Amino acid sequence: MKRSLAIISLVLFGISVIFLIVWTLSESAFAGMSTAAERIITVALFVLPAGIGAVMGVMSLMYREGKTALAITGIVLNTLFALFHLMIVLFAG
C-alpha cells in the first residue's frame, strides 16, 4: 500500500503535538537549561517536523494524490503550528 503525502503530513503534525505535550509535562525537569538550548530543542522538535509536514502537504497537492481535503488540512495545521513556535523562538526573551 502506497502512503499518501497528505497522511504523512498529518502524522508529522501529530508527532509535533506529542512532542509539545511531552515537553510541557516534563518542563520542570529542564528548569536549569539555557535559553539557547531551549530554542534549539524548540526548533528541532516543533518547527522542523511541522515545516516538513507543511511541505509534504503542498507536495501532495502538486502530485494530485486525490486527498485534497487532507492535504489542505495538513498544510494549514502544520503551518500554523510551525509559525507559532517559530515566533516564540524569535521573540521570546
C-alpha atoms as a PDB file:
ATOM      1  CA  MET A   1       0.000   0.000   0.000  1.00  0.00           C
ATOM      2  CA  LYS A   2       1.411   3.356  -1.024  1.00  0.00           C
ATOM      3  CA  ARG A   3       1.457   6.010   1.671  1.00  0.00           C
ATOM      4  CA  SER A   4      -0.084   9.327   0.848  1.00  0.00           C
ATOM      5  CA  LEU A   5       1.925  12.500   1.375  1.00  0.00           C
ATOM      6  CA  ALA A   6      -1.169  14.126   2.879  1.00  0.00           C
ATOM      7  CA  ILE A   7      -1.376  11.440   5.553  1.00  0.00           C
ATOM      8  CA  ILE A   8       2.356  11.737   6.263  1.00  0.00           C
ATOM      9  CA  SER A   9       1.791  15.471   6.656  1.00  0.00           C
ATOM     10  CA  LEU A  10      -0.891  14.886   9.288  1.00  0.00           C
ATOM     11  CA  VAL A  11       1.269  12.276  11.029  1.00  0.00           C
ATOM     12  CA  LEU A  12       4.092  14.814  11.298  1.00  0.00           C
ATOM     13  CA  PHE A  13       1.637  17.284  12.834  1.00  0.00           C
ATOM     14  CA  GLY A  14       0.617  14.629  15.340  1.00  0.00           C
ATOM     15  CA  ILE A  15       4.261  13.954  16.194  1.00  0.00           C
ATOM     16  CA  SER A  16       4.816  17.673  16.796  1.00  0.00           C
ATOM     17  CA  VAL A  17       1.801  17.798  19.110  1.00  0.00           C
ATOM     18  CA  ILE A  18       3.033  14.735  21.018  1.00  0.00           C
ATOM     19  CA  PHE A  19       6.452  16.380  21.425  1.00  0.00           C
ATOM     20  CA  LEU A  20       4.704  19.503  22.728  1.00  0.00           C
ATOM     21  CA  ILE A  21       2.722  17.504  25.287  1.00  0.00           C
ATOM     22  CA  VAL A  22       5.814  15.614  26.467  1.00  0.00           C
ATOM     23  CA  TRP A  23       7.822  18.847  26.649  1.00  0.00           C
ATOM     24  CA  THR A  24       5.072  20.562  28.650  1.00  0.00           C
ATOM     25  CA  LEU A  25       4.667  17.680  31.102  1.00  0.00           C
ATOM     26  CA  SER A  26       8.416  17.376  31.722  1.00  0.00           C
ATOM     27  CA  GLU A  27       9.182  21.099  31.727  1.00  0.00           C
ATOM     28  CA  SER A  28      10.122  21.177  35.404  1.00  0.00           C
ATOM     29  CA  ALA A  29      12.945  18.713  34.739  1.00  0.00           C
ATOM     30  CA  PHE A  30      14.521  21.193  32.316  1.00  0.00           C
ATOM     31  CA  ALA A  31      14.401  24.185  34.670  1.00  0.00           C
ATOM     32  CA  GLY A  32      18.145  24.872  34.593  1.00  0.00           C
ATOM     33  CA  MET A  33      18.507  24.638  30.818  1.00  0.00           C
ATOM     34  CA  SER A  34      19.987  27.581  28.953  1.00  0.00           C
ATOM     35  CA  THR A  35      17.855  29.718  26.685  1.00  0.00           C
ATOM     36  CA  ALA A  36      19.878  28.743  23.621  1.00  0.00           C
ATOM     37  CA  ALA A  37      19.358  25.045  24.318  1.00  0.00           C
ATOM     38  CA  GLU A  38      15.618  25.584  24.737  1.00  0.00           C
ATOM     39  CA  ARG A  39      15.462  27.411  21.416  1.00  0.00           C
ATOM     40  CA  ILE A  40      17.383  24.654  19.627  1.00  0.00           C
ATOM     41  CA  ILE A  41      15.092  21.996  21.073  1.00  0.00           C
ATOM     42  CA  THR A  42      12.005  24.021  20.151  1.00  0.00           C
ATOM     43  CA  VAL A  43      13.148  24.363  16.561  1.00  0.00           C
ATOM     44  CA  ALA A  44      14.153  20.695  16.313  1.00  0.00           C
ATOM     45  CA  LEU A  45      11.038  19.206  17.916  1.00  0.00           C
ATOM     46  CA  PHE A  46       8.278  21.638  16.971  1.00  0.00           C
ATOM     47  CA  VAL A  47       9.194  23.794  13.988  1.00  0.00           C
ATOM     48  CA  LEU A  48      11.136  21.289  11.861  1.00  0.00           C
ATOM     49  CA  PRO A  49       8.601  18.409  11.803  1.00  0.00           C
ATOM     50  CA  ALA A  50       5.707  20.826  11.271  1.00  0.00           C
ATOM     51  CA  GLY A  51       7.594  22.602   8.478  1.00  0.00           C
ATOM     52  CA  ILE A  52       8.350  19.307   6.760  1.00  0.00           C
ATOM     53  CA  GLY A  53       4.685  18.328   7.210  1.00  0.00           C
ATOM     54  CA  ALA A  54       3.554  21.531   5.504  1.00  0.00           C
ATOM     55  CA  VAL A  55       5.899  20.829   2.595  1.00  0.00           C
ATOM     56  CA  MET A  56       4.542  17.269   2.350  1.00  0.00           C
ATOM     57  CA  GLY A  57       1.007  18.658   2.172  1.00  0.00           C
ATOM     58  CA  VAL A  58       1.967  21.010  -0.648  1.00  0.00           C
ATOM     59  CA  MET A  59       3.681  18.161  -2.482  1.00  0.00           C
ATOM     60  CA  SER A  60       0.515  16.093  -2.101  1.00  0.00           C
ATOM     61  CA  LEU A  61      -1.452  18.848  -3.825  1.00  0.00           C
ATOM     62  CA  MET A  62       1.163  19.191  -6.554  1.00  0.00           C
ATOM     63  CA  TYR A  63       1.160  15.435  -7.284  1.00  0.00           C
ATOM     64  CA  ARG A  64      -2.669  15.391  -7.267  1.00  0.00           C
ATOM     65  CA  GLU A  65      -2.958  12.382  -4.986  1.00  0.00           C
ATOM     66  CA  GLY A  66      -6.719  12.771  -4.650  1.00  0.00           C
ATOM     67  CA  LYS A  67      -6.763  13.593  -0.942  1.00  0.00           C
ATOM     68  CA  THR A  68      -7.176  17.336  -1.301  1.00  0.00           C
ATOM     69  CA  ALA A  69      -9.008  17.926   1.985  1.00  0.00           C
ATOM     70  CA  LEU A  70      -6.361  16.022   3.954  1.00  0.00           C
ATOM     71  CA  ALA A  71      -3.564  17.866   2.191  1.00  0.00           C
ATOM     72  CA  ILE A  72      -5.084  21.288   2.871  1.00  0.00           C
ATOM     73  CA  THR A  73      -5.747  20.349   6.494  1.00  0.00           C
ATOM     74  CA  GLY A  74      -2.144  19.208   6.879  1.00  0.00           C
ATOM     75  CA  ILE A  75      -0.813  22.379   5.302  1.00  0.00           C
ATOM     76  CA  VAL A  76      -2.904  24.678   7.493  1.00  0.00           C
ATOM     77  CA  LEU A  77      -2.297  22.854  10.781  1.00  0.00           C
ATOM     78  CA  ASN A  78       1.426  22.357  10.225  1.00  0.00           C
ATOM     79  CA  THR A  79       1.969  25.914   9.035  1.00  0.00           C
ATOM     80  CA  LEU A  80       0.145  27.461  11.988  1.00  0.00           C
ATOM     81  CA  PHE A  81       1.952  25.201  14.453  1.00  0.00           C
ATOM     82  CA  ALA A  82       5.370  25.912  12.935  1.00  0.00           C
ATOM     83  CA  LEU A  83       4.809  29.664  12.680  1.00  0.00           C
ATOM     84  CA  PHE A  84       3.552  29.892  16.261  1.00  0.00           C
ATOM     85  CA  HIS A  85       6.595  28.128  17.660  1.00  0.00           C
ATOM     86  CA  LEU A  86       8.940  29.995  15.346  1.00  0.00           C
ATOM     87  CA  MET A  87       7.551  33.276  16.670  1.00  0.00           C
ATOM     88  CA  ILE A  88       8.107  32.035  20.210  1.00  0.00           C
ATOM     89  CA  VAL A  89      11.734  31.255  19.376  1.00  0.00           C
ATOM     90  CA  LEU A  90      12.303  34.571  17.630  1.00  0.00           C
ATOM     91  CA  PHE A  91      10.545  36.925  20.030  1.00  0.00           C
ATOM     92  CA  ALA A  92      10.666  35.236  23.448  1.00  0.00           C
ATOM     93  CA  GLY A  93      13.035  36.809  25.904  1.00  0.00           C
END
